Structure formats: C-alpha cells, structure tokens
Amino acid sequence: MSSLRKTIERMKNLEAEKKNLMHEFEKLNEMADLKAASLEYEIASLREEIESVKMLMAEERKQQPSGKVPQVPKVSSKEIVEKTIGESNSLGNQVFPLPPFGQYFDNWLVNLRQLVSEFESNSTIEVDEQFGKDRSQILLDVESALARIRMEESNLIQDEKALAENNRLLEEADEEYAEKTKALSSKRDSEVERLTKKMHELESEIANQEKLNQEKPKIGIFSYRSRKEYNMAKDKAAEDLNHNKEDLKATTNELETSVKGFSVDQTNLDNEYEKRKQGITERAESLRGELKKLETDTSIEARQAASNALANAINALIQRTHQTLE
C-alpha cells in the first residue's frame, strides 16, 4: 500500500512537471512567432521603402510627349515642414481604442515611415547625411520600444492564461481539502464509535461482575468442596473484574488519545490548506495587478518621443543647411 501511494504521488509530481514544461514551451514558441512576425514586418517595410523610392524616381524621369515637364502645384518648403511636423504630432498623440494595443503598432509605423519618406522626397527640401542618421535612429528607437511593449503585452496575455490556471488550482485545493476533511472525519467517527462501544461493553460487564460478587453464596455448611470451588470462582471473578477495569481504563485512554490525534491531524490539514490557499490567492492578486496594465496604452510615451525627436531633427536640418522657409 505504501509503495502504491508513493507511485501515485510520483505520477502527480510528474504530471505537474509536464504541465510546467508545456507552459514554458508554449511561451517560448509564442516569443519565437512574435520575433518572426517582427522580422517579416521589417522586411516588408524595407521593400515598401524601396518601391516608394523607385516610384518617385520613375515619376521624376517621366516627361510629357511635348518634352515639357508637367505642371504640378508648387508647395512651399514652409508648408512641407509645418505639414510634416503637424502630422508627426498627430501620430505621436494618436489614441488606440482597445487592448491589446500592439495590434495597431504596424500600421502606425507604416504611417510614420511614409510621412518621413514624403518629407525627404520633396524637391523643396534639401536633406543632408546627418538628417538621414537622425531619421534612422528615431525609427530604430521607436521600433525597438514598440517591439518591447508588444512583447510585454504578449506576456500579460500569458498571465491571463496563468490566472485561469491559478483559479483552477484554487478550486482543486478546495475540493482536495473537502475530501480529506470528510475522510478524516469519517475515520475519526468510526474509531470513536468503536472505542465507545467497547467501553460500554466493558462497563456493562464490570457492572454485572460487581453485582455477582455482592450476592451471597448458597453453599451448605458442611460442603467443603462447594466452598473451595466457590473461593476459586470468587478469585477468578475478582481477577476478571480487575482485568476488565484495566481494559476499560486503557480503552478510555486510547479514546482520549485518538480524539487528540484526530484533532492534531485536522489542525495540520487546516494549516496546510490555508498555506496553500494563501499562496494561490497571492499569486492571483499579483496576476490581476499585472493584467490591469493591459488597460493602459504605454506606447504613447515612445510614440510622442519619436514625434518630438522627428520635429527636432527637421528644425535642426533647416538651421544646419540654412534653408529659407517660404
């Protein structure tokens, strides 16, 4: 029986370890998927930039059949700068409606890249090498920040699954505690009933023996044999009575010890359950606290920082190249 219990306990431990390893594997797999998706997006963005540059160059080379350059409404450099900075500020302050907010990052980055590309390709703006470096760093910084936030959101989504699992563990702990309490109570009641019944039987037997001992013998005065047998029977009855009294005392002590033992077992069971429940409850509270972060769009700081940095880079470009805004 002991070997069977150990085997069952070992199986439970192995199942728990299997669940933990499967959870870790799923988490690593999702992280790999996110990384792959991020790389795919970067590649797609680069391709879009290349295509945009090709299209712009092609448009510049196009000429009308008469050889004249098509008349395009001229936009001043001042208008281009104000438009770019204004739209950049709008992107920086854009409010995403619903979590997870990472679902909006890709489109936002595309819009930012397109805005920068339109600014750089405008013929009224002279872009130098330093602006190219500033622009690349701004895009790299905001992409890294958004990728980090997206990963944090992914981890928080995993916390939702962990909270569901935690709630299941709490239900499991409640059920196990109830089952163990019921089993212990049944065992205690059975033992108390057995010992109480034994005590009642001994008490009844002792009462009968004491009653018999108090009765006078009906023996003839000259019956030596009858008196001798009576004395032997009396001694035997006294011995049996003392034995039963000792047995009653031992049974009474056993009952008291058993009741105390069951009380200790119940206390230990209660303490073990409360400790286990406290750990699960604290874990649940921690997870709920983390999940509240899903309700807040933490990307706005990084996006506003990118918008401000782009505006500063544009203003620095104008001052550095001594361009006159008209």
C-alpha atoms as a PDB file:
ATOM      1  CA  MET A   1       0.000   0.000   0.000  1.00  0.00           C
ATOM      2  CA  SER A   2       2.868   2.375   0.876  1.00  0.00           C
ATOM      3  CA  SER A   3       4.545   1.609  -2.459  1.00  0.00           C
ATOM      4  CA  LEU A   4       1.287   2.350  -4.304  1.00  0.00           C
ATOM      5  CA  ARG A   5       0.930   5.701  -2.541  1.00  0.00           C
ATOM      6  CA  LYS A   6       4.489   6.641  -3.474  1.00  0.00           C
ATOM      7  CA  THR A   7       3.843   5.672  -7.099  1.00  0.00           C
ATOM      8  CA  ILE A   8       0.660   7.755  -7.212  1.00  0.00           C
ATOM      9  CA  GLU A   9       2.451  10.727  -5.628  1.00  0.00           C
ATOM     10  CA  ARG A  10       5.303  10.364  -8.119  1.00  0.00           C
ATOM     11  CA  MET A  11       2.807  10.320 -11.003  1.00  0.00           C
ATOM     12  CA  LYS A  12       1.184  13.513  -9.693  1.00  0.00           C
ATOM     13  CA  ASN A  13       4.588  15.232  -9.465  1.00  0.00           C
ATOM     14  CA  LEU A  14       5.478  14.141 -12.996  1.00  0.00           C
ATOM     15  CA  GLU A  15       2.137  15.440 -14.328  1.00  0.00           C
ATOM     16  CA  ALA A  16       2.743  18.800 -12.634  1.00  0.00           C
ATOM     17  CA  GLU A  17       6.256  18.979 -14.088  1.00  0.00           C
ATOM     18  CA  LYS A  18       4.862  18.087 -17.534  1.00  0.00           C
ATOM     19  CA  LYS A  19       2.323  20.939 -17.313  1.00  0.00           C
ATOM     20  CA  ASN A  20       5.057  23.431 -16.337  1.00  0.00           C
ATOM     21  CA  LEU A  21       7.294  22.324 -19.218  1.00  0.00           C
ATOM     22  CA  MET A  22       4.407  22.514 -21.710  1.00  0.00           C
ATOM     23  CA  HIS A  23       3.567  26.034 -20.492  1.00  0.00           C
ATOM     24  CA  GLU A  24       7.211  27.103 -20.869  1.00  0.00           C
ATOM     25  CA  PHE A  25       7.364  25.556 -24.352  1.00  0.00           C
ATOM     26  CA  GLU A  26       4.202  27.392 -25.445  1.00  0.00           C
ATOM     27  CA  LYS A  27       5.592  30.672 -24.130  1.00  0.00           C
ATOM     28  CA  LEU A  28       8.903  30.227 -25.985  1.00  0.00           C
ATOM     29  CA  ASN A  29       7.018  29.239 -29.133  1.00  0.00           C
ATOM     30  CA  GLU A  30       4.890  32.383 -28.986  1.00  0.00           C
ATOM     31  CA  MET A  31       8.000  34.515 -28.414  1.00  0.00           C
ATOM     32  CA  ALA A  32       9.579  32.941 -31.494  1.00  0.00           C
ATOM     33  CA  ASP A  33       6.408  33.651 -33.503  1.00  0.00           C
ATOM     34  CA  LEU A  34       6.457  37.284 -32.381  1.00  0.00           C
ATOM     35  CA  LYS A  35      10.104  37.630 -33.336  1.00  0.00           C
ATOM     36  CA  ALA A  36       9.439  36.096 -36.758  1.00  0.00           C
ATOM     37  CA  ALA A  37       6.457  38.412 -37.262  1.00  0.00           C
ATOM     38  CA  SER A  38       8.602  41.408 -36.316  1.00  0.00           C
ATOM     39  CA  LEU A  39      11.286  40.400 -38.828  1.00  0.00           C
ATOM     40  CA  GLU A  40       8.670  39.881 -41.531  1.00  0.00           C
ATOM     41  CA  TYR A  41       7.302  43.346 -40.848  1.00  0.00           C
ATOM     42  CA  GLU A  42      10.772  44.920 -41.038  1.00  0.00           C
ATOM     43  CA  ILE A  43      11.442  43.177 -44.358  1.00  0.00           C
ATOM     44  CA  ALA A  44       8.050  44.272 -45.720  1.00  0.00           C
ATOM     45  CA  SER A  45       8.722  47.859 -44.599  1.00  0.00           C
ATOM     46  CA  LEU A  46      12.099  47.899 -46.341  1.00  0.00           C
ATOM     47  CA  ARG A  47      10.522  46.578 -49.521  1.00  0.00           C
ATOM     48  CA  GLU A  48       7.847  49.285 -49.351  1.00  0.00           C
ATOM     49  CA  GLU A  49      10.518  51.959 -48.941  1.00  0.00           C
ATOM     50  CA  ILE A  50      12.458  50.624 -51.922  1.00  0.00           C
ATOM     51  CA  GLU A  51       9.308  50.554 -54.056  1.00  0.00           C
ATOM     52  CA  SER A  52       8.415  54.087 -52.937  1.00  0.00           C
ATOM     53  CA  VAL A  53      11.863  55.375 -53.904  1.00  0.00           C
ATOM     54  CA  LYS A  54      11.648  53.595 -57.281  1.00  0.00           C
ATOM     55  CA  MET A  55       8.238  55.091 -57.973  1.00  0.00           C
ATOM     56  CA  LEU A  56       9.418  58.588 -57.038  1.00  0.00           C
ATOM     57  CA  MET A  57      12.458  58.301 -59.279  1.00  0.00           C
ATOM     58  CA  ALA A  58      10.306  56.980 -62.098  1.00  0.00           C
ATOM     59  CA  GLU A  59       7.892  59.884 -61.739  1.00  0.00           C
ATOM     60  CA  GLU A  60      10.735  62.376 -61.933  1.00  0.00           C
ATOM     61  CA  ARG A  61      12.002  60.791 -65.141  1.00  0.00           C
ATOM     62  CA  LYS A  62       8.624  60.860 -66.807  1.00  0.00           C
ATOM     63  CA  GLN A  63       8.053  63.628 -69.298  1.00  0.00           C
ATOM     64  CA  GLN A  64       5.107  64.679 -71.390  1.00  0.00           C
ATOM     65  CA  PRO A  65       5.244  63.957 -75.182  1.00  0.00           C
ATOM     66  CA  SER A  66       5.917  67.628 -75.910  1.00  0.00           C
ATOM     67  CA  GLY A  67       9.028  67.400 -73.770  1.00  0.00           C
ATOM     68  CA  LYS A  68       7.616  69.801 -71.211  1.00  0.00           C
ATOM     69  CA  VAL A  69       7.595  68.963 -67.505  1.00  0.00           C
ATOM     70  CA  PRO A  70       4.018  68.578 -66.250  1.00  0.00           C
ATOM     71  CA  GLN A  71       2.803  71.465 -64.214  1.00  0.00           C
ATOM     72  CA  VAL A  72       2.427  70.480 -60.571  1.00  0.00           C
ATOM     73  CA  PRO A  73       1.058  72.879 -57.967  1.00  0.00           C
ATOM     74  CA  LYS A  74       4.093  74.161 -56.119  1.00  0.00           C
ATOM     75  CA  VAL A  75       4.143  73.627 -52.359  1.00  0.00           C
ATOM     76  CA  SER A  76       6.462  75.800 -50.322  1.00  0.00           C
ATOM     77  CA  SER A  77       9.128  74.372 -48.044  1.00  0.00           C
ATOM     78  CA  LYS A  78       7.443  76.051 -45.097  1.00  0.00           C
ATOM     79  CA  GLU A  79       4.198  74.247 -45.836  1.00  0.00           C
ATOM     80  CA  ILE A  80       6.047  70.946 -46.151  1.00  0.00           C
ATOM     81  CA  VAL A  81       7.811  71.415 -42.799  1.00  0.00           C
ATOM     82  CA  GLU A  82       4.631  72.500 -40.996  1.00  0.00           C
ATOM     83  CA  LYS A  83       2.631  69.658 -42.568  1.00  0.00           C
ATOM     84  CA  THR A  84       5.250  67.042 -41.638  1.00  0.00           C
ATOM     85  CA  ILE A  85       5.638  68.236 -38.062  1.00  0.00           C
ATOM     86  CA  GLY A  86       1.870  68.559 -37.634  1.00  0.00           C
ATOM     87  CA  GLU A  87       1.148  65.067 -38.893  1.00  0.00           C
ATOM     88  CA  SER A  88       4.028  63.733 -36.807  1.00  0.00           C
ATOM     89  CA  ASN A  89       2.478  65.281 -33.693  1.00  0.00           C
ATOM     90  CA  SER A  90      -0.868  63.745 -34.607  1.00  0.00           C
ATOM     91  CA  LEU A  91       0.752  60.322 -34.883  1.00  0.00           C
ATOM     92  CA  GLY A  92       2.514  60.842 -31.559  1.00  0.00           C
ATOM     93  CA  ASN A  93      -0.760  61.689 -29.819  1.00  0.00           C
ATOM     94  CA  GLN A  94      -2.881  59.085 -31.626  1.00  0.00           C
ATOM     95  CA  VAL A  95      -5.157  57.188 -29.226  1.00  0.00           C
ATOM     96  CA  PHE A  96      -5.565  53.461 -29.789  1.00  0.00           C
ATOM     97  CA  PRO A  97      -9.086  52.363 -28.870  1.00  0.00           C
ATOM     98  CA  LEU A  98      -8.830  48.834 -27.475  1.00  0.00           C
ATOM     99  CA  PRO A  99      -6.243  46.477 -25.960  1.00  0.00           C
ATOM    100  CA  PRO A 100      -4.080  44.735 -26.847  1.00  0.00           C
ATOM    101  CA  PHE A 101      -2.624  47.949 -28.245  1.00  0.00           C
ATOM    102  CA  GLY A 102       0.151  46.111 -30.067  1.00  0.00           C
ATOM    103  CA  GLN A 103      -2.335  45.310 -32.840  1.00  0.00           C
ATOM    104  CA  TYR A 104      -2.078  48.955 -34.012  1.00  0.00           C
ATOM    105  CA  PHE A 105       1.727  49.282 -33.982  1.00  0.00           C
ATOM    106  CA  ASP A 106       2.403  48.001 -37.510  1.00  0.00           C
ATOM    107  CA  ASN A 107       0.041  50.450 -39.217  1.00  0.00           C
ATOM    108  CA  TRP A 108       1.341  53.282 -37.059  1.00  0.00           C
ATOM    109  CA  LEU A 109       4.933  52.589 -38.069  1.00  0.00           C
ATOM    110  CA  VAL A 110       3.949  52.415 -41.744  1.00  0.00           C
ATOM    111  CA  ASN A 111       2.294  55.832 -41.467  1.00  0.00           C
ATOM    112  CA  LEU A 112       5.357  57.296 -39.756  1.00  0.00           C
ATOM    113  CA  ARG A 113       7.730  55.894 -42.394  1.00  0.00           C
ATOM    114  CA  GLN A 114       5.518  57.180 -45.189  1.00  0.00           C
ATOM    115  CA  LEU A 115       5.450  60.645 -43.622  1.00  0.00           C
ATOM    116  CA  VAL A 116       9.240  60.764 -43.393  1.00  0.00           C
ATOM    117  CA  SER A 117       9.609  59.441 -46.935  1.00  0.00           C
ATOM    118  CA  GLU A 118       7.317  62.139 -48.335  1.00  0.00           C
ATOM    119  CA  PHE A 119       9.285  64.815 -46.494  1.00  0.00           C
ATOM    120  CA  GLU A 120      12.660  63.591 -47.751  1.00  0.00           C
ATOM    121  CA  SER A 121      11.471  63.194 -51.346  1.00  0.00           C
ATOM    122  CA  ASN A 122      10.065  66.711 -51.630  1.00  0.00           C
ATOM    123  CA  SER A 123      12.117  68.796 -54.035  1.00  0.00           C
ATOM    124  CA  THR A 124      11.875  71.942 -51.890  1.00  0.00           C
ATOM    125  CA  ILE A 125      13.731  70.271 -49.001  1.00  0.00           C
ATOM    126  CA  GLU A 126      17.469  69.605 -49.039  1.00  0.00           C
ATOM    127  CA  VAL A 127      18.160  66.565 -46.855  1.00  0.00           C
ATOM    128  CA  ASP A 128      21.735  66.023 -45.650  1.00  0.00           C
ATOM    129  CA  GLU A 129      23.531  62.969 -44.319  1.00  0.00           C
ATOM    130  CA  GLN A 130      23.040  63.968 -40.689  1.00  0.00           C
ATOM    131  CA  PHE A 131      19.276  64.050 -41.103  1.00  0.00           C
ATOM    132  CA  GLY A 132      19.429  60.563 -42.593  1.00  0.00           C
ATOM    133  CA  LYS A 133      21.273  59.357 -39.486  1.00  0.00           C
ATOM    134  CA  ASP A 134      18.811  61.141 -37.180  1.00  0.00           C
ATOM    135  CA  ARG A 135      15.831  59.698 -39.031  1.00  0.00           C
ATOM    136  CA  SER A 136      17.231  56.166 -38.936  1.00  0.00           C
ATOM    137  CA  GLN A 137      17.923  56.414 -35.209  1.00  0.00           C
ATOM    138  CA  ILE A 138      14.434  57.770 -34.488  1.00  0.00           C
ATOM    139  CA  LEU A 139      12.797  54.929 -36.388  1.00  0.00           C
ATOM    140  CA  LEU A 140      15.075  52.355 -34.767  1.00  0.00           C
ATOM    141  CA  ASP A 141      14.329  53.676 -31.273  1.00  0.00           C
ATOM    142  CA  VAL A 142      10.554  53.730 -31.679  1.00  0.00           C
ATOM    143  CA  GLU A 143      10.503  50.326 -33.382  1.00  0.00           C
ATOM    144  CA  SER A 144      12.544  48.835 -30.524  1.00  0.00           C
ATOM    145  CA  ALA A 145      10.296  50.462 -27.922  1.00  0.00           C
ATOM    146  CA  LEU A 146       7.119  49.220 -29.603  1.00  0.00           C
ATOM    147  CA  ALA A 147       8.573  45.709 -30.020  1.00  0.00           C
ATOM    148  CA  ARG A 148       9.370  45.652 -26.304  1.00  0.00           C
ATOM    149  CA  ILE A 149       5.872  46.840 -25.398  1.00  0.00           C
ATOM    150  CA  ARG A 150       4.345  44.280 -27.750  1.00  0.00           C
ATOM    151  CA  MET A 151       6.366  41.550 -26.012  1.00  0.00           C
ATOM    152  CA  GLU A 152       5.229  42.810 -22.608  1.00  0.00           C
ATOM    153  CA  GLU A 153       1.630  42.683 -23.774  1.00  0.00           C
ATOM    154  CA  SER A 154       2.187  39.150 -25.016  1.00  0.00           C
ATOM    155  CA  ASN A 155       3.495  38.184 -21.589  1.00  0.00           C
ATOM    156  CA  LEU A 156       0.463  39.794 -19.976  1.00  0.00           C
ATOM    157  CA  ILE A 157      -1.804  37.781 -22.241  1.00  0.00           C
ATOM    158  CA  GLN A 158       0.026  34.711 -20.956  1.00  0.00           C
ATOM    159  CA  ASP A 159      -0.766  35.990 -17.464  1.00  0.00           C
ATOM    160  CA  GLU A 160      -4.462  35.744 -18.356  1.00  0.00           C
ATOM    161  CA  LYS A 161      -3.972  32.033 -19.023  1.00  0.00           C
ATOM    162  CA  ALA A 162      -1.929  31.744 -15.834  1.00  0.00           C
ATOM    163  CA  LEU A 163      -4.764  33.382 -13.870  1.00  0.00           C
ATOM    164  CA  ALA A 164      -7.268  30.885 -15.282  1.00  0.00           C
ATOM    165  CA  GLU A 165      -4.922  28.049 -14.312  1.00  0.00           C
ATOM    166  CA  ASN A 166      -4.477  29.629 -10.885  1.00  0.00           C
ATOM    167  CA  ASN A 167      -8.243  29.717 -10.378  1.00  0.00           C
ATOM    168  CA  ARG A 168      -8.382  26.060 -11.338  1.00  0.00           C
ATOM    169  CA  LEU A 169      -5.712  25.264  -8.757  1.00  0.00           C
ATOM    170  CA  LEU A 170      -7.760  27.097  -6.126  1.00  0.00           C
ATOM    171  CA  GLU A 171     -10.840  25.021  -6.954  1.00  0.00           C
ATOM    172  CA  GLU A 172      -8.677  21.899  -6.866  1.00  0.00           C
ATOM    173  CA  ALA A 173      -7.309  22.873  -3.447  1.00  0.00           C
ATOM    174  CA  ASP A 174     -10.841  23.443  -2.107  1.00  0.00           C
ATOM    175  CA  GLU A 175     -12.034  20.076  -3.423  1.00  0.00           C
ATOM    176  CA  GLU A 176      -8.996  18.238  -2.081  1.00  0.00           C
ATOM    177  CA  TYR A 177      -9.366  19.885   1.322  1.00  0.00           C
ATOM    178  CA  ALA A 178     -13.057  18.972   1.464  1.00  0.00           C
ATOM    179  CA  GLU A 179     -12.318  15.360   0.502  1.00  0.00           C
ATOM    180  CA  LYS A 180      -9.510  14.987   3.036  1.00  0.00           C
ATOM    181  CA  THR A 181     -11.612  16.596   5.779  1.00  0.00           C
ATOM    182  CA  LYS A 182     -14.507  14.267   5.003  1.00  0.00           C
ATOM    183  CA  ALA A 183     -12.222  11.206   5.005  1.00  0.00           C
ATOM    184  CA  LEU A 184     -10.582  12.235   8.282  1.00  0.00           C
ATOM    185  CA  SER A 185     -13.964  12.934   9.877  1.00  0.00           C
ATOM    186  CA  SER A 186     -15.271   9.550   8.771  1.00  0.00           C
ATOM    187  CA  LYS A 187     -12.208   7.787  10.129  1.00  0.00           C
ATOM    188  CA  ARG A 188     -12.475   9.663  13.434  1.00  0.00           C
ATOM    189  CA  ASP A 189     -16.177   8.899  13.811  1.00  0.00           C
ATOM    190  CA  SER A 190     -15.563   5.215  13.070  1.00  0.00           C
ATOM    191  CA  GLU A 191     -12.739   4.982  15.607  1.00  0.00           C
ATOM    192  CA  VAL A 192     -14.670   6.869  18.285  1.00  0.00           C
ATOM    193  CA  GLU A 193     -17.696   4.662  17.705  1.00  0.00           C
ATOM    194  CA  ARG A 194     -15.581   1.505  18.010  1.00  0.00           C
ATOM    195  CA  LEU A 195     -13.879   2.582  21.220  1.00  0.00           C
ATOM    196  CA  THR A 196     -17.077   3.952  22.744  1.00  0.00           C
ATOM    197  CA  LYS A 197     -18.873   0.691  22.012  1.00  0.00           C
ATOM    198  CA  LYS A 198     -16.012  -1.250  23.620  1.00  0.00           C
ATOM    199  CA  MET A 199     -16.168   0.992  26.691  1.00  0.00           C
ATOM    200  CA  HIS A 200     -19.912   0.463  27.048  1.00  0.00           C
ATOM    201  CA  GLU A 201     -19.463  -3.306  26.777  1.00  0.00           C
ATOM    202  CA  LEU A 202     -16.730  -3.281  29.429  1.00  0.00           C
ATOM    203  CA  GLU A 203     -18.767  -1.043  31.739  1.00  0.00           C
ATOM    204  CA  SER A 204     -21.746  -3.366  31.362  1.00  0.00           C
ATOM    205  CA  GLU A 205     -19.615  -6.432  32.053  1.00  0.00           C
ATOM    206  CA  ILE A 206     -17.990  -4.788  35.071  1.00  0.00           C
ATOM    207  CA  ALA A 207     -21.395  -3.858  36.480  1.00  0.00           C
ATOM    208  CA  ASN A 208     -22.597  -7.471  36.122  1.00  0.00           C
ATOM    209  CA  GLN A 209     -19.451  -8.824  37.730  1.00  0.00           C
ATOM    210  CA  GLU A 210     -19.721  -6.454  40.689  1.00  0.00           C
ATOM    211  CA  LYS A 211     -23.363  -7.408  41.103  1.00  0.00           C
ATOM    212  CA  LEU A 212     -22.486 -11.130  41.170  1.00  0.00           C
ATOM    213  CA  ASN A 213     -19.708 -10.537  43.660  1.00  0.00           C
ATOM    214  CA  GLN A 214     -22.164  -8.854  46.038  1.00  0.00           C
ATOM    215  CA  GLU A 215     -24.538 -11.880  46.060  1.00  0.00           C
ATOM    216  CA  LYS A 216     -24.186 -14.369  48.958  1.00  0.00           C
ATOM    217  CA  PRO A 217     -23.215 -17.932  48.061  1.00  0.00           C
ATOM    218  CA  LYS A 218     -25.726 -20.711  48.506  1.00  0.00           C
ATOM    219  CA  ILE A 219     -23.382 -23.353  49.950  1.00  0.00           C
ATOM    220  CA  GLY A 220     -24.065 -25.999  52.610  1.00  0.00           C
ATOM    221  CA  ILE A 221     -22.215 -25.530  55.935  1.00  0.00           C
ATOM    222  CA  PHE A 222     -20.532 -28.925  55.681  1.00  0.00           C
ATOM    223  CA  SER A 223     -19.850 -28.752  51.950  1.00  0.00           C
ATOM    224  CA  TYR A 224     -16.092 -28.224  51.826  1.00  0.00           C
ATOM    225  CA  ARG A 225     -15.930 -28.989  48.132  1.00  0.00           C
ATOM    226  CA  SER A 226     -18.609 -26.424  47.346  1.00  0.00           C
ATOM    227  CA  ARG A 227     -16.855 -23.744  49.454  1.00  0.00           C
ATOM    228  CA  LYS A 228     -13.497 -24.464  47.888  1.00  0.00           C
ATOM    229  CA  GLU A 229     -14.969 -24.196  44.442  1.00  0.00           C
ATOM    230  CA  TYR A 230     -16.723 -21.010  45.457  1.00  0.00           C
ATOM    231  CA  ASN A 231     -13.499 -19.403  46.648  1.00  0.00           C
ATOM    232  CA  MET A 232     -11.744 -20.352  43.448  1.00  0.00           C
ATOM    233  CA  ALA A 233     -14.611 -18.953  41.413  1.00  0.00           C
ATOM    234  CA  LYS A 234     -14.570 -15.805  43.528  1.00  0.00           C
ATOM    235  CA  ASP A 235     -10.855 -15.307  42.975  1.00  0.00           C
ATOM    236  CA  LYS A 236     -11.317 -15.864  39.259  1.00  0.00           C
ATOM    237  CA  ALA A 237     -14.195 -13.375  39.163  1.00  0.00           C
ATOM    238  CA  ALA A 238     -12.086 -10.814  41.027  1.00  0.00           C
ATOM    239  CA  GLU A 239      -9.253 -11.355  38.574  1.00  0.00           C
ATOM    240  CA  ASP A 240     -11.594 -10.964  35.616  1.00  0.00           C
ATOM    241  CA  LEU A 241     -13.085  -7.840  37.169  1.00  0.00           C
ATOM    242  CA  ASN A 242      -9.677  -6.252  37.645  1.00  0.00           C
ATOM    243  CA  HIS A 243      -8.711  -7.175  34.095  1.00  0.00           C
ATOM    244  CA  ASN A 244     -11.869  -5.584  32.709  1.00  0.00           C
ATOM    245  CA  LYS A 245     -11.305  -2.447  34.779  1.00  0.00           C
ATOM    246  CA  GLU A 246      -7.769  -2.177  33.458  1.00  0.00           C
ATOM    247  CA  ASP A 247      -9.035  -2.795  29.929  1.00  0.00           C
ATOM    248  CA  LEU A 248     -11.691  -0.070  30.428  1.00  0.00           C
ATOM    249  CA  LYS A 249      -9.070   2.349  31.653  1.00  0.00           C
ATOM    250  CA  ALA A 250      -6.811   1.544  28.688  1.00  0.00           C
ATOM    251  CA  THR A 251      -9.721   1.919  26.255  1.00  0.00           C
ATOM    252  CA  THR A 252     -10.667   5.270  27.824  1.00  0.00           C
ATOM    253  CA  ASN A 253      -7.079   6.490  27.420  1.00  0.00           C
ATOM    254  CA  GLU A 254      -6.996   5.198  23.859  1.00  0.00           C
ATOM    255  CA  LEU A 255     -10.180   7.108  23.063  1.00  0.00           C
ATOM    256  CA  GLU A 256      -8.787  10.333  24.517  1.00  0.00           C
ATOM    257  CA  THR A 257      -5.502   9.852  22.653  1.00  0.00           C
ATOM    258  CA  SER A 258      -7.313   9.058  19.432  1.00  0.00           C
ATOM    259  CA  VAL A 259      -9.539  12.136  19.695  1.00  0.00           C
ATOM    260  CA  LYS A 260      -6.482  14.329  20.365  1.00  0.00           C
ATOM    261  CA  GLY A 261      -4.647  12.724  17.449  1.00  0.00           C
ATOM    262  CA  PHE A 262      -7.519  13.372  15.073  1.00  0.00           C
ATOM    263  CA  SER A 263      -7.682  16.946  16.327  1.00  0.00           C
ATOM    264  CA  VAL A 264      -3.984  17.409  15.570  1.00  0.00           C
ATOM    265  CA  ASP A 265      -4.431  15.844  12.122  1.00  0.00           C
ATOM    266  CA  GLN A 266      -7.331  18.201  11.371  1.00  0.00           C
ATOM    267  CA  THR A 267      -5.292  21.202  12.541  1.00  0.00           C
ATOM    268  CA  ASN A 268      -2.388  20.174  10.317  1.00  0.00           C
ATOM    269  CA  LEU A 269      -4.762  19.688   7.416  1.00  0.00           C
ATOM    270  CA  ASP A 270      -6.295  23.126   8.026  1.00  0.00           C
ATOM    271  CA  ASN A 271      -2.864  24.775   8.215  1.00  0.00           C
ATOM    272  CA  GLU A 272      -1.664  23.044   5.061  1.00  0.00           C
ATOM    273  CA  TYR A 273      -4.813  24.102   3.203  1.00  0.00           C
ATOM    274  CA  GLU A 274      -4.632  27.716   4.405  1.00  0.00           C
ATOM    275  CA  LYS A 275      -0.961  27.945   3.436  1.00  0.00           C
ATOM    276  CA  ARG A 276      -1.645  26.504   0.012  1.00  0.00           C
ATOM    277  CA  LYS A 277      -4.688  28.706  -0.492  1.00  0.00           C
ATOM    278  CA  GLN A 278      -2.793  31.805   0.608  1.00  0.00           C
ATOM    279  CA  GLY A 279      -0.053  31.131  -1.942  1.00  0.00           C
ATOM    280  CA  ILE A 280      -2.606  30.654  -4.730  1.00  0.00           C
ATOM    281  CA  THR A 281      -4.569  33.749  -3.666  1.00  0.00           C
ATOM    282  CA  GLU A 282      -1.463  35.937  -3.523  1.00  0.00           C
ATOM    283  CA  ARG A 283      -0.467  34.703  -6.969  1.00  0.00           C
ATOM    284  CA  ALA A 284      -3.957  35.539  -8.283  1.00  0.00           C
ATOM    285  CA  GLU A 285      -3.793  39.066  -6.834  1.00  0.00           C
ATOM    286  CA  SER A 286      -0.369  39.578  -8.394  1.00  0.00           C
ATOM    287  CA  LEU A 287      -1.635  38.409 -11.798  1.00  0.00           C
ATOM    288  CA  ARG A 288      -4.702  40.650 -11.593  1.00  0.00           C
ATOM    289  CA  GLY A 289      -2.439  43.591 -10.801  1.00  0.00           C
ATOM    290  CA  GLU A 290      -0.297  42.820 -13.842  1.00  0.00           C
ATOM    291  CA  LEU A 291      -3.347  42.374 -16.082  1.00  0.00           C
ATOM    292  CA  LYS A 292      -4.547  45.885 -15.235  1.00  0.00           C
ATOM    293  CA  LYS A 293      -1.570  47.112 -17.264  1.00  0.00           C
ATOM    294  CA  LEU A 294      -3.292  45.772 -20.370  1.00  0.00           C
ATOM    295  CA  GLU A 295      -5.879  48.510 -19.965  1.00  0.00           C
ATOM    296  CA  THR A 296      -3.262  51.270 -20.342  1.00  0.00           C
ATOM    297  CA  ASP A 297      -1.558  52.145 -23.623  1.00  0.00           C
ATOM    298  CA  THR A 298       2.055  52.531 -22.519  1.00  0.00           C
ATOM    299  CA  SER A 299       3.237  53.058 -26.108  1.00  0.00           C
ATOM    300  CA  ILE A 300       2.121  56.680 -26.211  1.00  0.00           C
ATOM    301  CA  GLU A 301       5.278  57.863 -24.442  1.00  0.00           C
ATOM    302  CA  ALA A 302       7.538  56.179 -27.017  1.00  0.00           C
ATOM    303  CA  ARG A 303       5.396  57.455 -29.896  1.00  0.00           C
ATOM    304  CA  GLN A 304       5.364  61.018 -28.563  1.00  0.00           C
ATOM    305  CA  ALA A 305       9.126  60.843 -28.050  1.00  0.00           C
ATOM    306  CA  ALA A 306       9.561  59.772 -31.690  1.00  0.00           C
ATOM    307  CA  SER A 307       7.286  62.599 -32.863  1.00  0.00           C
ATOM    308  CA  ASN A 308       9.190  65.205 -30.845  1.00  0.00           C
ATOM    309  CA  ALA A 309      12.548  63.826 -31.993  1.00  0.00           C
ATOM    310  CA  LEU A 310      11.436  63.995 -35.635  1.00  0.00           C
ATOM    311  CA  ALA A 311      10.314  67.616 -35.229  1.00  0.00           C
ATOM    312  CA  ASN A 312      13.657  68.490 -33.618  1.00  0.00           C
ATOM    313  CA  ALA A 313      15.550  66.718 -36.414  1.00  0.00           C
ATOM    314  CA  ILE A 314      13.630  68.666 -39.079  1.00  0.00           C
ATOM    315  CA  ASN A 315      14.223  72.006 -37.339  1.00  0.00           C
ATOM    316  CA  ALA A 316      17.895  71.147 -36.894  1.00  0.00           C
ATOM    317  CA  LEU A 317      18.128  70.281 -40.599  1.00  0.00           C
ATOM    318  CA  ILE A 318      16.676  73.649 -41.613  1.00  0.00           C
ATOM    319  CA  GLN A 319      19.059  75.553 -39.322  1.00  0.00           C
ATOM    320  CA  ARG A 320      22.085  73.456 -40.274  1.00  0.00           C
ATOM    321  CA  THR A 321      21.582  73.807 -44.021  1.00  0.00           C
ATOM    322  CA  HIS A 322      20.500  77.475 -43.772  1.00  0.00           C
ATOM    323  CA  GLN A 323      17.361  76.751 -45.760  1.00  0.00           C
ATOM    324  CA  THR A 324      14.868  79.582 -46.044  1.00  0.00           C
ATOM    325  CA  LEU A 325      11.299  78.512 -45.467  1.00  0.00           C
ATOM    326  CA  GLU A 326       8.986  80.150 -47.968  1.00  0.00           C
END
